[in-house]
Amino acid sequence: MLANFYEKALGRTINSYQLDLLTSYLDDGLSLEVVVLAIKKASVNNIYRFSYVKELLDDWLAQGLLTIKQVKGYLNQRKNKAKKKKNETELPQNIQNALSLVEECELAEELGGEVDD
């Protein structure tokens, strides 16, 4: 089942070493759903290397994320942290508007004209 899913999702044949490694993650306590999620994530991101799937699984295992619920919570937390960081670097809209108006005024002064309201 896992081999078929891997091959369909990533469009690549899985070799015995790779299948054994994926199976070993199950032995280490990761749920089948977590292994499948790593493969899906690779496919969605158009990263078809086995090493990427392995990297995801190693990260999740190191974090102690064994269930699909834990992994999804972790991924959502990372996504929210990235959004927050992005929002912190962006200026609020009213400041952006004010800066645009200042630039407009400076340009108008250079051209000897007035700014339209």
N, C-alpha and C. Protein backbone atom coordinates (compact mmCIF):
# COMPACT_ATOMS: atom_id res chain seq x y z
N MET A 1 0.83 -1.20 0.00
CA MET A 1 0.00 0.00 0.00
C MET A 1 0.86 1.25 0.00
N LEU A 2 1.85 1.31 0.89
CA LEU A 2 2.72 2.47 1.01
C LEU A 2 3.54 2.67 -0.26
N ALA A 3 4.05 1.58 -0.81
CA ALA A 3 4.84 1.64 -2.03
C ALA A 3 4.00 2.17 -3.19
N ASN A 4 2.78 1.67 -3.33
CA ASN A 4 1.90 2.13 -4.41
C ASN A 4 1.57 3.60 -4.26
N PHE A 5 1.29 4.03 -3.05
CA PHE A 5 0.96 5.43 -2.83
C PHE A 5 2.15 6.32 -3.16
N TYR A 6 3.33 5.94 -2.71
CA TYR A 6 4.55 6.70 -2.98
C TYR A 6 4.74 6.85 -4.49
N GLU A 7 4.62 5.76 -5.20
CA GLU A 7 4.86 5.77 -6.65
C GLU A 7 3.83 6.60 -7.39
N LYS A 8 2.57 6.54 -6.96
CA LYS A 8 1.52 7.33 -7.61
C LYS A 8 1.67 8.82 -7.28
N ALA A 9 1.96 9.12 -6.03
CA ALA A 9 2.04 10.52 -5.60
C ALA A 9 3.26 11.22 -6.17
N LEU A 10 4.39 10.52 -6.23
CA LEU A 10 5.63 11.16 -6.65
C LEU A 10 6.06 10.79 -8.06
N GLY A 11 5.34 9.85 -8.65
CA GLY A 11 5.65 9.49 -10.03
C GLY A 11 7.01 8.83 -10.19
N ARG A 12 7.46 8.19 -9.14
CA ARG A 12 8.76 7.52 -9.16
C ARG A 12 8.63 6.13 -8.56
N THR A 13 9.46 5.25 -9.04
CA THR A 13 9.50 3.91 -8.48
C THR A 13 10.25 3.95 -7.16
N ILE A 14 9.72 3.28 -6.18
CA ILE A 14 10.38 3.21 -4.88
C ILE A 14 11.25 1.95 -4.85
N ASN A 15 12.47 2.08 -4.35
CA ASN A 15 13.33 0.90 -4.27
C ASN A 15 13.19 0.26 -2.89
N SER A 16 13.78 -0.90 -2.73
CA SER A 16 13.60 -1.66 -1.48
C SER A 16 14.20 -0.91 -0.28
N TYR A 17 15.32 -0.22 -0.47
CA TYR A 17 15.91 0.55 0.62
C TYR A 17 14.94 1.64 1.09
N GLN A 18 14.38 2.37 0.14
CA GLN A 18 13.45 3.45 0.49
C GLN A 18 12.21 2.90 1.19
N LEU A 19 11.67 1.81 0.70
CA LEU A 19 10.49 1.21 1.32
C LEU A 19 10.82 0.73 2.74
N ASP A 20 11.98 0.11 2.90
CA ASP A 20 12.40 -0.33 4.24
C ASP A 20 12.53 0.86 5.18
N LEU A 21 13.08 1.96 4.68
CA LEU A 21 13.24 3.15 5.51
C LEU A 21 11.89 3.74 5.90
N LEU A 22 10.96 3.81 4.94
CA LEU A 22 9.62 4.30 5.27
C LEU A 22 8.96 3.40 6.31
N THR A 23 9.11 2.13 6.14
CA THR A 23 8.53 1.17 7.09
C THR A 23 9.17 1.31 8.47
N SER A 24 10.45 1.64 8.50
CA SER A 24 11.13 1.80 9.79
C SER A 24 10.57 2.98 10.58
N TYR A 25 10.05 3.99 9.88
CA TYR A 25 9.42 5.12 10.57
C TYR A 25 8.17 4.63 11.32
N LEU A 26 7.47 3.69 10.73
CA LEU A 26 6.30 3.10 11.41
C LEU A 26 6.76 2.36 12.65
N ASP A 27 7.87 1.63 12.53
CA ASP A 27 8.42 0.90 13.68
C ASP A 27 8.88 1.87 14.78
N ASP A 28 9.31 3.08 14.36
CA ASP A 28 9.76 4.09 15.32
C ASP A 28 8.60 4.80 16.02
N GLY A 29 7.37 4.52 15.57
CA GLY A 29 6.21 5.08 16.25
C GLY A 29 5.40 6.07 15.44
N LEU A 30 5.91 6.49 14.26
CA LEU A 30 5.10 7.38 13.42
C LEU A 30 3.91 6.61 12.88
N SER A 31 2.77 7.27 12.82
CA SER A 31 1.59 6.60 12.27
C SER A 31 1.69 6.55 10.75
N LEU A 32 0.96 5.63 10.17
CA LEU A 32 0.91 5.52 8.72
C LEU A 32 0.44 6.83 8.10
N GLU A 33 -0.53 7.49 8.74
CA GLU A 33 -1.05 8.76 8.24
C GLU A 33 0.03 9.82 8.17
N VAL A 34 0.96 9.81 9.11
CA VAL A 34 2.06 10.79 9.12
C VAL A 34 3.01 10.53 7.95
N VAL A 35 3.33 9.27 7.71
CA VAL A 35 4.19 8.92 6.59
C VAL A 35 3.52 9.32 5.27
N VAL A 36 2.24 9.04 5.16
CA VAL A 36 1.48 9.40 3.96
C VAL A 36 1.45 10.93 3.79
N LEU A 37 1.30 11.66 4.90
CA LEU A 37 1.29 13.12 4.83
C LEU A 37 2.61 13.66 4.30
N ALA A 38 3.72 13.09 4.72
CA ALA A 38 5.03 13.53 4.23
C ALA A 38 5.13 13.34 2.72
N ILE A 39 4.63 12.23 2.24
CA ILE A 39 4.64 11.96 0.79
C ILE A 39 3.74 12.96 0.06
N LYS A 40 2.54 13.20 0.62
CA LYS A 40 1.62 14.17 0.02
C LYS A 40 2.24 15.56 -0.01
N LYS A 41 2.88 15.95 1.08
CA LYS A 41 3.49 17.26 1.18
C LYS A 41 4.58 17.42 0.11
N ALA A 42 5.36 16.39 -0.09
CA ALA A 42 6.39 16.42 -1.13
C ALA A 42 5.75 16.59 -2.50
N SER A 43 4.68 15.85 -2.75
CA SER A 43 4.00 15.92 -4.04
C SER A 43 3.39 17.30 -4.28
N VAL A 44 2.72 17.84 -3.28
CA VAL A 44 2.08 19.15 -3.41
C VAL A 44 3.12 20.25 -3.66
N ASN A 45 4.29 20.10 -3.04
CA ASN A 45 5.35 21.09 -3.20
C ASN A 45 6.23 20.83 -4.43
N ASN A 46 5.83 19.83 -5.22
CA ASN A 46 6.59 19.46 -6.43
C ASN A 46 8.05 19.14 -6.13
N ILE A 47 8.27 18.50 -5.00
CA ILE A 47 9.61 18.05 -4.62
C ILE A 47 9.56 16.53 -4.60
N TYR A 48 10.10 15.93 -5.63
CA TYR A 48 9.90 14.50 -5.84
C TYR A 48 11.07 13.66 -5.35
N ARG A 49 11.96 14.25 -4.57
CA ARG A 49 13.11 13.50 -4.06
C ARG A 49 12.72 12.73 -2.80
N PHE A 50 13.21 11.52 -2.69
CA PHE A 50 12.97 10.73 -1.49
C PHE A 50 13.60 11.43 -0.28
N SER A 51 14.72 12.09 -0.50
CA SER A 51 15.41 12.75 0.61
C SER A 51 14.54 13.81 1.27
N TYR A 52 13.64 14.45 0.50
CA TYR A 52 12.75 15.46 1.08
C TYR A 52 11.73 14.78 2.01
N VAL A 53 11.18 13.67 1.58
CA VAL A 53 10.24 12.92 2.41
C VAL A 53 10.95 12.48 3.69
N LYS A 54 12.15 11.98 3.55
CA LYS A 54 12.95 11.55 4.70
C LYS A 54 13.22 12.72 5.64
N GLU A 55 13.56 13.87 5.08
CA GLU A 55 13.83 15.06 5.88
C GLU A 55 12.60 15.46 6.71
N LEU A 56 11.43 15.44 6.09
CA LEU A 56 10.20 15.76 6.82
C LEU A 56 9.97 14.77 7.96
N LEU A 57 10.09 13.50 7.65
CA LEU A 57 9.84 12.46 8.65
C LEU A 57 10.87 12.52 9.79
N ASP A 58 12.12 12.78 9.45
CA ASP A 58 13.15 12.92 10.49
C ASP A 58 12.85 14.09 11.41
N ASP A 59 12.41 15.20 10.81
CA ASP A 59 12.08 16.39 11.60
C ASP A 59 10.91 16.10 12.54
N TRP A 60 9.87 15.52 12.02
CA TRP A 60 8.69 15.24 12.83
C TRP A 60 9.01 14.24 13.94
N LEU A 61 9.80 13.24 13.61
CA LEU A 61 10.18 12.24 14.62
C LEU A 61 11.03 12.90 15.71
N ALA A 62 11.97 13.74 15.32
CA ALA A 62 12.83 14.44 16.29
C ALA A 62 12.01 15.35 17.21
N GLN A 63 10.91 15.90 16.66
CA GLN A 63 10.04 16.77 17.44
C GLN A 63 9.08 15.97 18.33
N GLY A 64 9.09 14.66 18.16
CA GLY A 64 8.19 13.80 18.94
C GLY A 64 6.75 13.82 18.42
N LEU A 65 6.59 14.15 17.15
CA LEU A 65 5.26 14.24 16.53
C LEU A 65 4.94 12.90 15.89
N LEU A 66 4.14 12.10 16.56
CA LEU A 66 3.88 10.75 16.09
C LEU A 66 2.53 10.58 15.41
N THR A 67 1.59 11.47 15.71
CA THR A 67 0.24 11.35 15.15
C THR A 67 -0.03 12.45 14.14
N ILE A 68 -1.01 12.22 13.31
CA ILE A 68 -1.38 13.20 12.30
C ILE A 68 -1.84 14.51 12.95
N LYS A 69 -2.53 14.39 14.08
CA LYS A 69 -3.00 15.58 14.79
C LYS A 69 -1.82 16.41 15.28
N GLN A 70 -0.82 15.76 15.82
CA GLN A 70 0.37 16.48 16.30
C GLN A 70 1.11 17.16 15.15
N VAL A 71 1.28 16.45 14.05
CA VAL A 71 2.00 17.00 12.90
C VAL A 71 1.24 18.19 12.32
N LYS A 72 -0.07 18.06 12.16
CA LYS A 72 -0.86 19.17 11.60
C LYS A 72 -0.82 20.38 12.52
N GLY A 73 -0.86 20.15 13.83
CA GLY A 73 -0.74 21.25 14.78
C GLY A 73 0.60 21.95 14.65
N TYR A 74 1.65 21.17 14.51
CA TYR A 74 3.01 21.70 14.33
C TYR A 74 3.11 22.51 13.04
N LEU A 75 2.56 21.98 11.96
CA LEU A 75 2.62 22.69 10.67
C LEU A 75 1.81 23.99 10.72
N ASN A 76 0.64 23.95 11.37
CA ASN A 76 -0.16 25.17 11.51
C ASN A 76 0.56 26.21 12.36
N GLN A 77 1.23 25.75 13.40
CA GLN A 77 1.98 26.67 14.26
C GLN A 77 3.10 27.34 13.48
N ARG A 78 3.81 26.57 12.67
CA ARG A 78 4.89 27.14 11.84
C ARG A 78 4.33 28.12 10.82
N LYS A 79 3.18 27.77 10.23
CA LYS A 79 2.56 28.66 9.25
C LYS A 79 2.14 29.97 9.90
N ASN A 80 1.54 29.89 11.08
CA ASN A 80 1.11 31.10 11.79
C ASN A 80 2.30 31.95 12.21
N LYS A 81 3.38 31.31 12.61
CA LYS A 81 4.58 32.04 13.00
C LYS A 81 5.15 32.78 11.79
N ALA A 82 5.14 32.13 10.64
CA ALA A 82 5.64 32.77 9.41
C ALA A 82 4.76 33.94 9.02
N LYS A 83 3.44 33.78 9.14
CA LYS A 83 2.52 34.87 8.83
C LYS A 83 2.75 36.05 9.77
N LYS A 84 2.91 35.75 11.05
CA LYS A 84 3.12 36.80 12.04
C LYS A 84 4.40 37.56 11.73
N LYS A 85 5.45 36.84 11.40
CA LYS A 85 6.73 37.47 11.08
C LYS A 85 6.58 38.35 9.85
N LYS A 86 5.85 37.86 8.85
CA LYS A 86 5.63 38.64 7.63
C LYS A 86 4.84 39.90 7.96
N ASN A 87 3.81 39.78 8.78
CA ASN A 87 2.99 40.93 9.15
C ASN A 87 3.78 41.94 9.95
N GLU A 88 4.73 41.48 10.76
CA GLU A 88 5.54 42.39 11.55
C GLU A 88 6.47 43.21 10.67
N THR A 89 6.87 42.67 9.53
CA THR A 89 7.78 43.40 8.66
C THR A 89 7.04 44.33 7.71
N GLU A 90 5.76 44.16 7.56
CA GLU A 90 4.97 45.03 6.70
C GLU A 90 4.46 46.22 7.51
N LEU A 91 4.46 47.37 6.87
CA LEU A 91 3.92 48.56 7.52
C LEU A 91 2.41 48.53 7.48
N PRO A 92 1.75 49.07 8.50
CA PRO A 92 0.30 49.18 8.46
C PRO A 92 -0.13 50.00 7.24
N GLN A 93 -1.32 49.74 6.75
CA GLN A 93 -1.80 50.38 5.53
C GLN A 93 -1.83 51.90 5.64
N ASN A 94 -2.24 52.45 6.80
CA ASN A 94 -2.30 53.91 6.93
C ASN A 94 -0.91 54.53 6.83
N ILE A 95 0.11 53.85 7.30
CA ILE A 95 1.48 54.37 7.18
C ILE A 95 1.95 54.27 5.73
N GLN A 96 1.60 53.18 5.07
CA GLN A 96 1.94 53.05 3.66
C GLN A 96 1.30 54.16 2.85
N ASN A 97 0.03 54.45 3.15
CA ASN A 97 -0.67 55.53 2.45
C ASN A 97 0.00 56.87 2.70
N ALA A 98 0.40 57.12 3.94
CA ALA A 98 1.05 58.38 4.28
C ALA A 98 2.38 58.51 3.55
N LEU A 99 3.16 57.43 3.51
CA LEU A 99 4.43 57.47 2.80
C LEU A 99 4.23 57.72 1.30
N SER A 100 3.20 57.12 0.74
CA SER A 100 2.90 57.34 -0.67
C SER A 100 2.54 58.80 -0.92
N LEU A 101 1.78 59.40 -0.02
CA LEU A 101 1.39 60.79 -0.15
C LEU A 101 2.62 61.70 -0.05
N VAL A 102 3.53 61.39 0.86
CA VAL A 102 4.75 62.18 0.99
C VAL A 102 5.57 62.09 -0.29
N GLU A 103 5.70 60.89 -0.83
CA GLU A 103 6.44 60.72 -2.09
C GLU A 103 5.78 61.50 -3.22
N GLU A 104 4.45 61.48 -3.25
CA GLU A 104 3.70 62.22 -4.26
C GLU A 104 3.97 63.71 -4.14
N CYS A 105 3.96 64.22 -2.90
CA CYS A 105 4.21 65.65 -2.66
C CYS A 105 5.61 66.04 -3.08
N GLU A 106 6.58 65.20 -2.74
CA GLU A 106 7.97 65.48 -3.11
C GLU A 106 8.12 65.51 -4.62
N LEU A 107 7.47 64.58 -5.31
CA LEU A 107 7.53 64.55 -6.77
C LEU A 107 6.86 65.78 -7.35
N ALA A 108 5.73 66.17 -6.79
CA ALA A 108 5.01 67.36 -7.28
C ALA A 108 5.88 68.61 -7.09
N GLU A 109 6.56 68.72 -5.96
CA GLU A 109 7.43 69.87 -5.70
C GLU A 109 8.56 69.92 -6.72
N GLU A 110 9.12 68.75 -7.02
CA GLU A 110 10.21 68.68 -8.01
C GLU A 110 9.73 69.13 -9.38
N LEU A 111 8.49 68.80 -9.69
CA LEU A 111 7.92 69.14 -11.00
C LEU A 111 7.28 70.53 -11.00
N GLY A 112 7.23 71.17 -9.83
CA GLY A 112 6.68 72.51 -9.73
C GLY A 112 5.17 72.55 -9.76
N GLY A 113 4.51 71.45 -9.45
CA GLY A 113 3.05 71.41 -9.47
C GLY A 113 2.48 71.16 -8.09
N GLU A 114 1.20 70.93 -8.06
CA GLU A 114 0.52 70.65 -6.81
C GLU A 114 -0.01 69.21 -6.85
N VAL A 115 -0.29 68.73 -5.66
CA VAL A 115 -0.81 67.36 -5.53
C VAL A 115 -2.33 67.42 -5.61
N ASP A 116 -2.90 66.52 -6.44
CA ASP A 116 -4.36 66.44 -6.54
C ASP A 116 -4.90 65.76 -5.31
N ASP A 117 -6.08 66.19 -4.86
CA ASP A 117 -6.71 65.55 -3.71
C ASP A 117 -7.43 64.30 -4.12
